[in-house]
N, C-alpha and C. Protein backbone atom coordinates (compact mmCIF):
# COMPACT_ATOMS: atom_id res chain seq x y z
N MET A 1 -6.88 -14.92 9.86
CA MET A 1 -7.51 -13.85 9.09
C MET A 1 -6.99 -12.49 9.55
N SER A 2 -6.68 -11.61 8.61
CA SER A 2 -6.17 -10.29 8.95
C SER A 2 -7.30 -9.33 9.27
N ALA A 3 -7.02 -8.37 10.14
CA ALA A 3 -8.02 -7.38 10.50
C ALA A 3 -8.23 -6.37 9.38
N PHE A 4 -7.19 -6.21 8.54
CA PHE A 4 -7.25 -5.26 7.43
C PHE A 4 -6.80 -5.94 6.15
N ASN A 5 -7.20 -5.36 5.03
CA ASN A 5 -6.76 -5.84 3.73
C ASN A 5 -6.33 -4.65 2.89
N LEU A 6 -5.31 -4.85 2.08
CA LEU A 6 -4.88 -3.85 1.12
C LEU A 6 -5.39 -4.26 -0.25
N ILE A 7 -6.30 -3.46 -0.79
CA ILE A 7 -6.80 -3.70 -2.15
C ILE A 7 -5.86 -3.00 -3.12
N ILE A 8 -5.36 -3.75 -4.08
CA ILE A 8 -4.44 -3.20 -5.08
C ILE A 8 -5.05 -3.35 -6.46
N GLY A 9 -5.10 -2.27 -7.19
CA GLY A 9 -5.60 -2.29 -8.56
C GLY A 9 -4.53 -1.79 -9.51
N ILE A 10 -4.44 -2.40 -10.68
CA ILE A 10 -3.52 -1.95 -11.73
C ILE A 10 -4.36 -1.68 -12.97
N VAL A 11 -4.44 -0.41 -13.37
CA VAL A 11 -5.31 0.01 -14.46
C VAL A 11 -4.57 0.97 -15.38
N PRO A 12 -5.12 1.27 -16.56
CA PRO A 12 -4.44 2.20 -17.47
C PRO A 12 -4.26 3.58 -16.84
N ARG A 13 -3.20 4.27 -17.24
CA ARG A 13 -2.91 5.60 -16.72
C ARG A 13 -4.10 6.52 -16.89
N GLY A 14 -4.45 7.23 -15.83
CA GLY A 14 -5.57 8.14 -15.85
C GLY A 14 -6.89 7.53 -15.41
N SER A 15 -6.87 6.22 -15.08
CA SER A 15 -8.11 5.54 -14.69
C SER A 15 -8.21 5.27 -13.21
N ALA A 16 -7.21 5.66 -12.44
CA ALA A 16 -7.19 5.32 -11.01
C ALA A 16 -8.37 5.91 -10.25
N GLU A 17 -8.74 7.16 -10.59
CA GLU A 17 -9.84 7.81 -9.86
C GLU A 17 -11.16 7.06 -10.03
N LEU A 18 -11.32 6.33 -11.12
CA LEU A 18 -12.52 5.53 -11.32
C LEU A 18 -12.66 4.52 -10.18
N LEU A 19 -11.55 3.89 -9.81
CA LEU A 19 -11.58 2.90 -8.74
C LEU A 19 -11.63 3.54 -7.36
N THR A 20 -10.83 4.59 -7.15
CA THR A 20 -10.81 5.21 -5.82
C THR A 20 -12.14 5.88 -5.50
N HIS A 21 -12.77 6.49 -6.51
CA HIS A 21 -14.07 7.11 -6.28
C HIS A 21 -15.10 6.06 -5.88
N ALA A 22 -15.08 4.93 -6.59
CA ALA A 22 -16.02 3.85 -6.26
C ALA A 22 -15.76 3.31 -4.86
N ALA A 23 -14.48 3.18 -4.50
CA ALA A 23 -14.13 2.68 -3.18
C ALA A 23 -14.61 3.62 -2.08
N VAL A 24 -14.41 4.91 -2.29
CA VAL A 24 -14.83 5.91 -1.30
C VAL A 24 -16.35 5.92 -1.16
N GLU A 25 -17.06 5.84 -2.29
CA GLU A 25 -18.51 5.82 -2.24
C GLU A 25 -19.03 4.59 -1.51
N ALA A 26 -18.24 3.51 -1.52
CA ALA A 26 -18.65 2.27 -0.86
C ALA A 26 -18.22 2.22 0.61
N GLY A 27 -17.52 3.27 1.06
CA GLY A 27 -17.17 3.32 2.47
C GLY A 27 -15.71 3.41 2.81
N ALA A 28 -14.82 3.33 1.82
CA ALA A 28 -13.39 3.46 2.09
C ALA A 28 -13.06 4.91 2.43
N GLY A 29 -12.05 5.12 3.26
CA GLY A 29 -11.68 6.47 3.63
C GLY A 29 -10.93 7.20 2.54
N GLY A 30 -10.33 6.49 1.62
CA GLY A 30 -9.54 7.10 0.56
C GLY A 30 -8.55 6.09 0.03
N GLY A 31 -7.54 6.55 -0.67
CA GLY A 31 -6.54 5.66 -1.23
C GLY A 31 -5.30 6.39 -1.64
N THR A 32 -4.37 5.63 -2.19
CA THR A 32 -3.11 6.20 -2.68
C THR A 32 -2.88 5.70 -4.09
N ILE A 33 -2.39 6.58 -4.96
CA ILE A 33 -2.15 6.25 -6.36
C ILE A 33 -0.68 6.47 -6.69
N SER A 34 -0.07 5.50 -7.35
CA SER A 34 1.29 5.67 -7.85
C SER A 34 1.31 5.26 -9.32
N ARG A 35 2.39 5.58 -10.00
CA ARG A 35 2.49 5.29 -11.43
C ARG A 35 3.41 4.10 -11.68
N GLY A 36 3.12 3.38 -12.75
CA GLY A 36 3.95 2.25 -13.14
C GLY A 36 3.88 2.05 -14.63
N LYS A 37 4.53 0.98 -15.10
CA LYS A 37 4.51 0.65 -16.52
C LYS A 37 4.33 -0.85 -16.65
N GLY A 38 3.33 -1.26 -17.42
CA GLY A 38 3.09 -2.68 -17.62
C GLY A 38 4.00 -3.22 -18.71
N THR A 39 4.29 -4.52 -18.62
CA THR A 39 5.08 -5.17 -19.66
C THR A 39 4.58 -6.60 -19.80
N ALA A 40 4.34 -7.03 -21.03
CA ALA A 40 3.80 -8.37 -21.27
C ALA A 40 4.52 -9.01 -22.44
N ALA A 41 4.76 -10.33 -22.30
CA ALA A 41 5.44 -11.07 -23.37
C ALA A 41 4.52 -12.09 -24.01
N ASN A 42 3.30 -12.24 -23.49
CA ASN A 42 2.39 -13.21 -24.08
C ASN A 42 0.94 -12.76 -23.93
N SER A 43 0.05 -13.47 -24.60
CA SER A 43 -1.35 -13.08 -24.61
C SER A 43 -2.01 -13.21 -23.25
N PHE A 44 -1.53 -14.14 -22.40
CA PHE A 44 -2.12 -14.30 -21.07
C PHE A 44 -1.96 -13.03 -20.25
N LEU A 45 -0.76 -12.46 -20.26
CA LEU A 45 -0.53 -11.22 -19.53
C LEU A 45 -1.30 -10.07 -20.17
N GLN A 46 -1.49 -10.13 -21.47
CA GLN A 46 -2.31 -9.11 -22.12
C GLN A 46 -3.73 -9.15 -21.55
N ILE A 47 -4.25 -10.34 -21.33
CA ILE A 47 -5.59 -10.49 -20.78
C ILE A 47 -5.66 -9.92 -19.37
N LEU A 48 -4.58 -10.05 -18.61
CA LEU A 48 -4.55 -9.52 -17.25
C LEU A 48 -4.41 -8.00 -17.22
N GLY A 49 -4.28 -7.39 -18.36
CA GLY A 49 -4.17 -5.94 -18.39
C GLY A 49 -2.77 -5.45 -18.08
N LEU A 50 -1.77 -6.29 -18.34
CA LEU A 50 -0.39 -5.92 -18.02
C LEU A 50 0.44 -5.77 -19.29
N ALA A 51 -0.16 -5.30 -20.34
CA ALA A 51 0.57 -5.09 -21.59
C ALA A 51 1.48 -3.88 -21.47
N ASP A 52 2.32 -3.68 -22.49
CA ASP A 52 3.25 -2.56 -22.48
C ASP A 52 2.49 -1.24 -22.57
N SER A 53 2.33 -0.56 -21.45
CA SER A 53 1.65 0.73 -21.44
C SER A 53 1.80 1.33 -20.05
N ASP A 54 1.55 2.64 -19.95
CA ASP A 54 1.61 3.31 -18.66
C ASP A 54 0.44 2.89 -17.79
N LYS A 55 0.71 2.70 -16.51
CA LYS A 55 -0.30 2.20 -15.59
C LYS A 55 -0.44 3.11 -14.37
N ASP A 56 -1.62 3.06 -13.76
CA ASP A 56 -1.85 3.61 -12.43
C ASP A 56 -1.97 2.44 -11.47
N LEU A 57 -1.30 2.53 -10.33
CA LEU A 57 -1.45 1.54 -9.27
C LEU A 57 -2.26 2.17 -8.15
N VAL A 58 -3.31 1.49 -7.75
CA VAL A 58 -4.23 2.00 -6.74
C VAL A 58 -4.10 1.16 -5.47
N TYR A 59 -3.97 1.83 -4.32
CA TYR A 59 -3.87 1.14 -3.03
C TYR A 59 -4.98 1.67 -2.12
N VAL A 60 -5.83 0.77 -1.65
CA VAL A 60 -6.93 1.15 -0.76
C VAL A 60 -6.88 0.23 0.45
N LEU A 61 -6.62 0.77 1.63
CA LEU A 61 -6.55 -0.01 2.85
C LEU A 61 -7.92 -0.01 3.52
N VAL A 62 -8.47 -1.21 3.76
CA VAL A 62 -9.83 -1.31 4.29
C VAL A 62 -9.88 -2.37 5.39
N SER A 63 -10.93 -2.31 6.20
CA SER A 63 -11.12 -3.33 7.21
C SER A 63 -11.58 -4.63 6.56
N ASP A 64 -11.36 -5.74 7.25
CA ASP A 64 -11.76 -7.03 6.69
C ASP A 64 -13.26 -7.08 6.44
N GLU A 65 -14.04 -6.45 7.34
CA GLU A 65 -15.49 -6.50 7.22
C GLU A 65 -16.02 -5.79 5.98
N THR A 66 -15.30 -4.78 5.52
CA THR A 66 -15.79 -3.99 4.38
C THR A 66 -15.12 -4.35 3.06
N THR A 67 -14.18 -5.29 3.09
CA THR A 67 -13.40 -5.61 1.89
C THR A 67 -14.27 -6.04 0.72
N GLU A 68 -15.17 -6.99 0.95
CA GLU A 68 -15.99 -7.51 -0.14
C GLU A 68 -16.87 -6.42 -0.75
N THR A 69 -17.49 -5.61 0.09
CA THR A 69 -18.36 -4.54 -0.40
C THR A 69 -17.60 -3.55 -1.25
N ILE A 70 -16.43 -3.14 -0.78
CA ILE A 70 -15.65 -2.14 -1.49
C ILE A 70 -15.07 -2.71 -2.78
N MET A 71 -14.61 -3.95 -2.74
CA MET A 71 -14.10 -4.57 -3.96
C MET A 71 -15.20 -4.70 -5.01
N ASN A 72 -16.38 -5.11 -4.59
CA ASN A 72 -17.50 -5.25 -5.53
C ASN A 72 -17.84 -3.91 -6.18
N ALA A 73 -17.75 -2.83 -5.40
CA ALA A 73 -18.03 -1.50 -5.94
C ALA A 73 -16.98 -1.11 -6.98
N MET A 74 -15.73 -1.45 -6.72
CA MET A 74 -14.65 -1.14 -7.67
C MET A 74 -14.80 -1.96 -8.94
N ILE A 75 -15.18 -3.22 -8.80
CA ILE A 75 -15.39 -4.08 -9.96
C ILE A 75 -16.56 -3.56 -10.80
N ALA A 76 -17.63 -3.14 -10.12
CA ALA A 76 -18.80 -2.63 -10.83
C ALA A 76 -18.46 -1.35 -11.60
N ALA A 77 -17.60 -0.52 -11.01
CA ALA A 77 -17.24 0.74 -11.66
C ALA A 77 -16.51 0.51 -12.98
N ALA A 78 -15.79 -0.60 -13.06
CA ALA A 78 -15.02 -0.89 -14.27
C ALA A 78 -15.73 -1.85 -15.20
N SER A 79 -16.96 -2.22 -14.87
CA SER A 79 -17.65 -3.26 -15.62
C SER A 79 -17.97 -2.87 -17.06
N GLU A 80 -18.07 -1.57 -17.32
CA GLU A 80 -18.39 -1.13 -18.67
C GLU A 80 -17.15 -0.89 -19.53
N LYS A 81 -15.96 -1.04 -18.92
CA LYS A 81 -14.73 -0.83 -19.66
C LYS A 81 -14.42 -2.03 -20.56
N LYS A 82 -13.83 -1.75 -21.69
CA LYS A 82 -13.45 -2.80 -22.62
C LYS A 82 -12.33 -3.65 -22.03
N GLN A 83 -12.46 -4.96 -22.10
CA GLN A 83 -11.41 -5.84 -21.60
C GLN A 83 -10.28 -5.94 -22.62
N PRO A 84 -9.02 -6.13 -22.18
CA PRO A 84 -8.59 -6.14 -20.78
C PRO A 84 -8.41 -4.72 -20.26
N PHE A 85 -8.92 -4.45 -19.07
CA PHE A 85 -8.83 -3.11 -18.48
C PHE A 85 -7.80 -3.06 -17.36
N GLY A 86 -7.75 -4.09 -16.53
CA GLY A 86 -6.80 -4.10 -15.44
C GLY A 86 -7.05 -5.27 -14.51
N ILE A 87 -6.39 -5.27 -13.36
CA ILE A 87 -6.55 -6.34 -12.39
C ILE A 87 -6.75 -5.74 -11.00
N LEU A 88 -7.34 -6.57 -10.12
CA LEU A 88 -7.62 -6.15 -8.75
C LEU A 88 -7.35 -7.35 -7.85
N PHE A 89 -6.64 -7.13 -6.74
CA PHE A 89 -6.40 -8.22 -5.80
C PHE A 89 -6.16 -7.64 -4.41
N THR A 90 -6.10 -8.52 -3.40
CA THR A 90 -5.92 -8.06 -2.03
C THR A 90 -4.73 -8.74 -1.37
N LEU A 91 -4.17 -8.05 -0.39
CA LEU A 91 -3.13 -8.61 0.48
C LEU A 91 -3.60 -8.44 1.92
N GLY A 92 -3.44 -9.48 2.72
CA GLY A 92 -3.78 -9.38 4.13
C GLY A 92 -2.77 -8.51 4.86
N VAL A 93 -3.24 -7.64 5.73
CA VAL A 93 -2.38 -6.73 6.49
C VAL A 93 -2.35 -7.19 7.94
N ASN A 94 -1.16 -7.56 8.43
CA ASN A 94 -1.02 -8.08 9.78
C ASN A 94 -0.89 -6.97 10.82
N SER A 95 -0.13 -5.94 10.51
CA SER A 95 0.08 -4.83 11.44
C SER A 95 -0.26 -3.52 10.75
N PHE A 96 -0.92 -2.63 11.48
CA PHE A 96 -1.33 -1.35 10.92
C PHE A 96 -1.06 -0.26 11.94
N MET A 97 -0.35 0.80 11.52
CA MET A 97 -0.01 1.88 12.41
C MET A 97 -0.61 3.18 11.92
N ARG A 98 -1.30 3.89 12.82
CA ARG A 98 -1.79 5.23 12.54
C ARG A 98 -1.84 6.00 13.85
N THR A 99 -1.62 7.28 13.77
CA THR A 99 -1.60 8.18 14.93
C THR A 99 -0.82 7.58 16.10
N GLY A 100 0.32 6.95 15.77
CA GLY A 100 1.20 6.45 16.81
C GLY A 100 0.77 5.16 17.47
N ILE A 101 -0.33 4.55 17.01
CA ILE A 101 -0.83 3.30 17.61
C ILE A 101 -0.69 2.17 16.60
N ILE A 102 -0.07 1.08 17.03
CA ILE A 102 0.11 -0.08 16.17
C ILE A 102 -0.87 -1.17 16.59
N SER A 103 -1.68 -1.62 15.67
CA SER A 103 -2.63 -2.69 15.94
C SER A 103 -2.36 -3.86 15.01
N GLY A 104 -2.81 -5.05 15.43
CA GLY A 104 -2.59 -6.23 14.61
C GLY A 104 -2.03 -7.36 15.44
N LYS A 105 -1.50 -8.38 14.76
CA LYS A 105 -1.00 -9.55 15.47
C LYS A 105 0.51 -9.64 15.41
N ASP A 106 1.05 -10.42 16.35
CA ASP A 106 2.48 -10.62 16.44
C ASP A 106 2.95 -11.41 15.22
N VAL A 107 3.97 -10.89 14.52
CA VAL A 107 4.44 -11.57 13.31
C VAL A 107 5.74 -12.32 13.53
N SER A 108 6.27 -12.29 14.74
CA SER A 108 7.59 -12.88 14.99
C SER A 108 7.61 -14.39 14.80
N ASP A 109 6.45 -15.05 15.00
CA ASP A 109 6.41 -16.51 14.88
C ASP A 109 5.59 -16.97 13.69
N MET A 110 5.42 -16.13 12.69
CA MET A 110 4.65 -16.51 11.51
C MET A 110 5.43 -17.50 10.66
N GLU A 111 4.71 -18.24 9.80
CA GLU A 111 5.36 -19.22 8.94
C GLU A 111 6.24 -18.55 7.90
N THR A 112 5.85 -17.39 7.42
CA THR A 112 6.69 -16.66 6.47
C THR A 112 7.86 -16.05 7.22
N THR A 113 8.97 -15.85 6.52
CA THR A 113 10.18 -15.34 7.17
C THR A 113 10.31 -13.83 7.08
N HIS A 114 9.61 -13.21 6.13
CA HIS A 114 9.74 -11.78 5.90
C HIS A 114 8.37 -11.10 5.81
N GLN A 115 8.38 -9.80 6.04
CA GLN A 115 7.19 -8.96 5.91
C GLN A 115 7.53 -7.77 5.00
N LEU A 116 6.55 -7.34 4.22
CA LEU A 116 6.70 -6.11 3.44
C LEU A 116 6.06 -4.99 4.23
N ILE A 117 6.88 -4.05 4.70
CA ILE A 117 6.39 -2.88 5.41
C ILE A 117 6.16 -1.77 4.39
N THR A 118 4.96 -1.22 4.37
CA THR A 118 4.64 -0.10 3.49
C THR A 118 4.35 1.12 4.36
N VAL A 119 5.03 2.21 4.09
CA VAL A 119 4.84 3.45 4.84
C VAL A 119 4.40 4.53 3.86
N ILE A 120 3.30 5.22 4.16
CA ILE A 120 2.83 6.32 3.33
C ILE A 120 2.87 7.59 4.16
N VAL A 121 3.68 8.54 3.74
CA VAL A 121 3.85 9.79 4.48
C VAL A 121 3.70 10.97 3.54
N ASN A 122 3.46 12.14 4.11
CA ASN A 122 3.43 13.35 3.30
C ASN A 122 4.79 13.57 2.67
N LYS A 123 4.79 14.10 1.46
CA LYS A 123 6.03 14.26 0.71
C LYS A 123 7.06 15.04 1.52
N GLY A 124 8.30 14.55 1.51
CA GLY A 124 9.39 15.19 2.23
C GLY A 124 9.82 14.45 3.48
N PHE A 125 9.00 13.45 3.92
CA PHE A 125 9.31 12.71 5.14
C PHE A 125 9.99 11.37 4.86
N ALA A 126 10.18 11.02 3.60
CA ALA A 126 10.68 9.68 3.27
C ALA A 126 12.09 9.43 3.78
N ASP A 127 12.99 10.40 3.64
CA ASP A 127 14.37 10.21 4.07
C ASP A 127 14.46 9.99 5.58
N ASP A 128 13.71 10.78 6.35
CA ASP A 128 13.70 10.61 7.80
C ASP A 128 13.13 9.24 8.18
N THR A 129 12.09 8.83 7.47
CA THR A 129 11.47 7.53 7.74
C THR A 129 12.44 6.40 7.47
N MET A 130 13.15 6.48 6.34
CA MET A 130 14.08 5.43 5.97
C MET A 130 15.28 5.39 6.91
N ALA A 131 15.74 6.55 7.36
CA ALA A 131 16.86 6.61 8.30
C ALA A 131 16.50 5.93 9.61
N ALA A 132 15.29 6.18 10.11
CA ALA A 132 14.83 5.54 11.34
C ALA A 132 14.70 4.04 11.16
N ALA A 133 14.20 3.62 10.01
CA ALA A 133 14.04 2.18 9.74
C ALA A 133 15.39 1.48 9.70
N ARG A 134 16.39 2.13 9.12
CA ARG A 134 17.72 1.52 9.05
C ARG A 134 18.32 1.35 10.45
N LYS A 135 18.14 2.35 11.29
CA LYS A 135 18.67 2.26 12.66
C LYS A 135 18.01 1.12 13.43
N ALA A 136 16.79 0.77 13.05
CA ALA A 136 16.05 -0.29 13.73
C ALA A 136 16.31 -1.66 13.11
N GLY A 137 17.13 -1.70 12.06
CA GLY A 137 17.49 -3.00 11.49
C GLY A 137 17.14 -3.22 10.04
N ALA A 138 16.47 -2.26 9.41
CA ALA A 138 16.13 -2.43 7.99
C ALA A 138 17.39 -2.36 7.13
N GLY A 139 17.46 -3.23 6.14
CA GLY A 139 18.63 -3.22 5.27
C GLY A 139 18.54 -2.15 4.20
N GLY A 140 17.35 -1.71 3.88
CA GLY A 140 17.16 -0.70 2.85
C GLY A 140 15.69 -0.63 2.49
N GLY A 141 15.37 0.14 1.48
CA GLY A 141 13.98 0.29 1.08
C GLY A 141 13.87 0.93 -0.28
N THR A 142 12.67 1.05 -0.75
CA THR A 142 12.39 1.68 -2.04
C THR A 142 11.38 2.80 -1.83
N ILE A 143 11.66 3.98 -2.37
CA ILE A 143 10.80 5.14 -2.22
C ILE A 143 10.09 5.41 -3.54
N MET A 144 8.78 5.58 -3.48
CA MET A 144 7.98 5.85 -4.67
C MET A 144 7.20 7.14 -4.48
N ASN A 145 7.03 7.88 -5.55
CA ASN A 145 6.17 9.06 -5.52
C ASN A 145 4.73 8.62 -5.70
N ALA A 146 3.82 9.22 -4.93
CA ALA A 146 2.41 8.85 -4.99
C ALA A 146 1.56 10.06 -4.67
N ARG A 147 0.25 9.88 -4.70
CA ARG A 147 -0.67 10.95 -4.32
C ARG A 147 -1.87 10.36 -3.61
N GLY A 148 -2.46 11.14 -2.72
CA GLY A 148 -3.60 10.68 -1.95
C GLY A 148 -4.92 11.05 -2.59
N THR A 149 -5.96 10.30 -2.25
CA THR A 149 -7.31 10.59 -2.74
C THR A 149 -8.28 10.44 -1.57
N ALA A 150 -9.39 11.16 -1.63
CA ALA A 150 -10.44 11.05 -0.61
C ALA A 150 -11.70 11.70 -1.13
N ARG A 151 -12.76 11.66 -0.32
CA ARG A 151 -14.00 12.32 -0.70
C ARG A 151 -13.78 13.82 -0.81
N PRO A 152 -14.39 14.49 -1.78
CA PRO A 152 -14.26 15.95 -1.88
C PRO A 152 -14.69 16.62 -0.59
N GLY A 153 -13.85 17.53 -0.09
CA GLY A 153 -14.18 18.27 1.12
C GLY A 153 -13.70 17.61 2.39
N GLU A 154 -13.29 16.33 2.32
CA GLU A 154 -12.79 15.67 3.52
C GLU A 154 -11.32 15.96 3.69
N GLU A 155 -10.87 16.02 4.93
CA GLU A 155 -9.48 16.38 5.21
C GLU A 155 -8.64 15.21 5.65
N THR A 156 -9.25 14.07 5.93
CA THR A 156 -8.46 12.96 6.44
C THR A 156 -8.80 11.64 5.77
N PHE A 157 -7.84 10.74 5.79
CA PHE A 157 -8.00 9.38 5.29
C PHE A 157 -7.32 8.49 6.32
N PHE A 158 -8.11 7.66 7.03
CA PHE A 158 -7.59 6.85 8.12
C PHE A 158 -6.87 7.72 9.14
N GLY A 159 -7.40 8.95 9.36
CA GLY A 159 -6.77 9.86 10.31
C GLY A 159 -5.56 10.56 9.75
N MET A 160 -5.33 10.45 8.45
CA MET A 160 -4.15 11.02 7.81
C MET A 160 -4.55 12.24 7.00
N ASP A 161 -3.87 13.37 7.23
CA ASP A 161 -4.17 14.59 6.49
C ASP A 161 -4.04 14.34 5.00
N ILE A 162 -5.02 14.84 4.24
CA ILE A 162 -4.96 14.67 2.79
C ILE A 162 -4.07 15.75 2.18
N VAL A 163 -2.86 15.37 1.85
CA VAL A 163 -1.93 16.21 1.12
C VAL A 163 -1.71 15.48 -0.20
N PRO A 164 -2.00 16.10 -1.34
CA PRO A 164 -1.96 15.38 -2.62
C PRO A 164 -0.66 14.62 -2.87
N GLU A 165 0.47 15.25 -2.57
CA GLU A 165 1.75 14.60 -2.85
C GLU A 165 2.17 13.72 -1.68
N LYS A 166 2.48 12.46 -1.97
CA LYS A 166 2.88 11.50 -0.95
C LYS A 166 4.21 10.86 -1.30
N ASP A 167 4.89 10.33 -0.28
CA ASP A 167 6.02 9.44 -0.47
C ASP A 167 5.60 8.08 0.05
N MET A 168 5.86 7.05 -0.73
CA MET A 168 5.51 5.69 -0.35
C MET A 168 6.81 4.90 -0.24
N ILE A 169 7.06 4.33 0.94
CA ILE A 169 8.29 3.61 1.20
C ILE A 169 8.00 2.13 1.37
N LEU A 170 8.70 1.28 0.63
CA LEU A 170 8.55 -0.17 0.72
C LEU A 170 9.81 -0.75 1.35
N ILE A 171 9.64 -1.48 2.45
CA ILE A 171 10.76 -2.05 3.18
C ILE A 171 10.50 -3.54 3.40
N LEU A 172 11.38 -4.39 2.91
CA LEU A 172 11.27 -5.83 3.14
C LEU A 172 12.13 -6.17 4.34
N ALA A 173 11.53 -6.75 5.38
CA ALA A 173 12.26 -7.00 6.62
C ALA A 173 11.95 -8.38 7.17
N GLU A 174 12.91 -8.93 7.91
CA GLU A 174 12.69 -10.20 8.59
C GLU A 174 11.62 -9.99 9.66
N ASN A 175 10.87 -11.05 9.96
CA ASN A 175 9.77 -10.94 10.92
C ASN A 175 10.20 -10.32 12.24
N ALA A 176 11.36 -10.74 12.75
CA ALA A 176 11.82 -10.26 14.06
C ALA A 176 12.11 -8.76 14.06
N LYS A 177 12.33 -8.18 12.89
CA LYS A 177 12.69 -6.77 12.81
C LYS A 177 11.49 -5.86 12.51
N VAL A 178 10.35 -6.46 12.18
CA VAL A 178 9.19 -5.65 11.78
C VAL A 178 8.73 -4.73 12.91
N GLN A 179 8.53 -5.28 14.10
CA GLN A 179 8.05 -4.47 15.22
C GLN A 179 9.02 -3.36 15.59
N PRO A 180 10.34 -3.65 15.73
CA PRO A 180 11.28 -2.56 16.01
C PRO A 180 11.28 -1.47 14.95
N ILE A 181 11.11 -1.84 13.69
CA ILE A 181 11.08 -0.84 12.61
C ILE A 181 9.83 0.03 12.73
N LEU A 182 8.68 -0.60 12.96
CA LEU A 182 7.45 0.17 13.13
C LEU A 182 7.53 1.10 14.34
N ASP A 183 8.12 0.60 15.44
CA ASP A 183 8.28 1.42 16.65
C ASP A 183 9.17 2.63 16.37
N ALA A 184 10.24 2.41 15.60
CA ALA A 184 11.16 3.51 15.28
C ALA A 184 10.48 4.55 14.40
N ILE A 185 9.67 4.10 13.47
CA ILE A 185 8.98 5.03 12.57
C ILE A 185 7.95 5.86 13.33
N LYS A 186 7.18 5.23 14.21
CA LYS A 186 6.13 5.96 14.91
C LYS A 186 6.71 6.98 15.90
N ALA A 187 7.99 6.81 16.28
CA ALA A 187 8.62 7.73 17.23
C ALA A 187 9.26 8.94 16.55
N LEU A 188 9.21 9.02 15.24
CA LEU A 188 9.83 10.14 14.52
C LEU A 188 9.15 11.46 14.89
N PRO A 189 9.93 12.51 15.18
CA PRO A 189 9.34 13.82 15.49
C PRO A 189 8.45 14.34 14.37
N CYS A 190 8.83 14.06 13.11
CA CYS A 190 8.05 14.58 11.98
C CYS A 190 6.71 13.87 11.84
N LEU A 191 6.51 12.77 12.58
CA LEU A 191 5.27 12.04 12.50
C LEU A 191 4.48 12.10 13.81
N GLU A 192 4.89 13.01 14.70
CA GLU A 192 4.20 13.13 15.98
C GLU A 192 2.77 13.66 15.82
N LYS A 193 2.58 14.53 14.85
CA LYS A 193 1.24 15.07 14.63
C LYS A 193 0.33 13.99 14.08
N PRO A 194 -0.83 13.77 14.69
CA PRO A 194 -1.75 12.77 14.18
C PRO A 194 -2.10 13.03 12.71
N GLY A 195 -2.06 11.96 11.91
CA GLY A 195 -2.47 12.09 10.52
C GLY A 195 -1.37 12.36 9.53
N THR A 196 -0.10 12.37 9.97
CA THR A 196 0.98 12.68 9.03
C THR A 196 1.55 11.44 8.36
N GLY A 197 1.11 10.25 8.75
CA GLY A 197 1.60 9.06 8.09
C GLY A 197 0.92 7.80 8.60
N ILE A 198 0.93 6.76 7.78
CA ILE A 198 0.45 5.44 8.18
C ILE A 198 1.47 4.41 7.74
N ALA A 199 1.44 3.24 8.37
CA ALA A 199 2.32 2.14 7.98
C ALA A 199 1.59 0.83 8.21
N PHE A 200 1.88 -0.15 7.38
CA PHE A 200 1.27 -1.46 7.56
C PHE A 200 2.21 -2.53 7.03
N ALA A 201 2.04 -3.76 7.53
CA ALA A 201 2.92 -4.86 7.16
C ALA A 201 2.12 -6.03 6.62
N CYS A 202 2.62 -6.61 5.52
CA CYS A 202 1.98 -7.76 4.89
C CYS A 202 3.00 -8.89 4.78
N PRO A 203 2.56 -10.15 4.90
CA PRO A 203 3.50 -11.27 4.76
C PRO A 203 4.06 -11.36 3.35
N ALA A 204 5.36 -11.63 3.26
CA ALA A 204 6.03 -11.81 1.97
C ALA A 204 6.42 -13.28 1.85
N GLU A 205 5.84 -13.98 0.91
CA GLU A 205 6.09 -15.40 0.76
C GLU A 205 7.11 -15.66 -0.34
N ASN A 206 7.75 -16.83 -0.26
CA ASN A 206 8.72 -17.28 -1.26
C ASN A 206 9.85 -16.26 -1.46
N PHE A 207 10.33 -15.71 -0.36
CA PHE A 207 11.39 -14.70 -0.44
C PHE A 207 12.69 -15.34 -0.91
N THR A 208 13.37 -14.66 -1.84
CA THR A 208 14.68 -15.11 -2.28
C THR A 208 15.49 -13.92 -2.73
N VAL A 209 16.80 -14.07 -2.71
CA VAL A 209 17.71 -13.03 -3.17
C VAL A 209 18.19 -13.39 -4.56
N LEU A 210 18.04 -12.49 -5.51
CA LEU A 210 18.46 -12.76 -6.89
C LEU A 210 19.94 -12.45 -7.08
N GLY A 211 20.53 -13.12 -8.03
CA GLY A 211 21.92 -12.87 -8.35
C GLY A 211 22.83 -14.02 -7.91
N LYS A 212 24.07 -13.93 -8.31
CA LYS A 212 25.07 -14.94 -8.01
C LYS A 212 25.40 -14.97 -6.53
N LYS A 213 25.40 -16.16 -5.95
CA LYS A 213 25.76 -16.31 -4.55
C LYS A 213 27.27 -16.31 -4.39
N LYS A 214 27.74 -15.69 -3.30
CA LYS A 214 29.19 -15.65 -3.06
C LYS A 214 29.69 -17.01 -2.59
């Protein structure tokens, strides 16, 4: 069992605050919102709320103990919306880094071969973060624009300064490289100040490389 869980919601564009507000009211420190586009080829995906339309993706990192309470609050907030409205699911988080401290379990001997490292930093720090990750063994990553949310008047989320504009970096790495990458990221001068970024790792199952093999 993971000490933390990442709650992910996919809802119509402009609806993210409905979920993040409910999560915060239920005890979450805040969340991160990014934009996406749904695409569906059949009625089943339409039911899941993944039809062709602009979407908001909601990310809320919570402790295992509070996951059920916060998820129930988010579900209740959307209960009056016409179906299909969206989907909600969780990912177990094995390693979590904030204010230079990494907590969680050793992933080097896990059954899965890869981990998805997610780094959320204030806008402008993504290139430095990715450069450090590459030096530690990362093959590459994906950078997304996002924004932070929290209770009105609060300045922090999981010890992270609330700056509306965020950079979200996704790095898929082999288990043996996860810890060195996290260590390299936490040592960045731009992240020395407490609250300027967080990072967490989730197991990635059924990993494969697409395309023609050489």
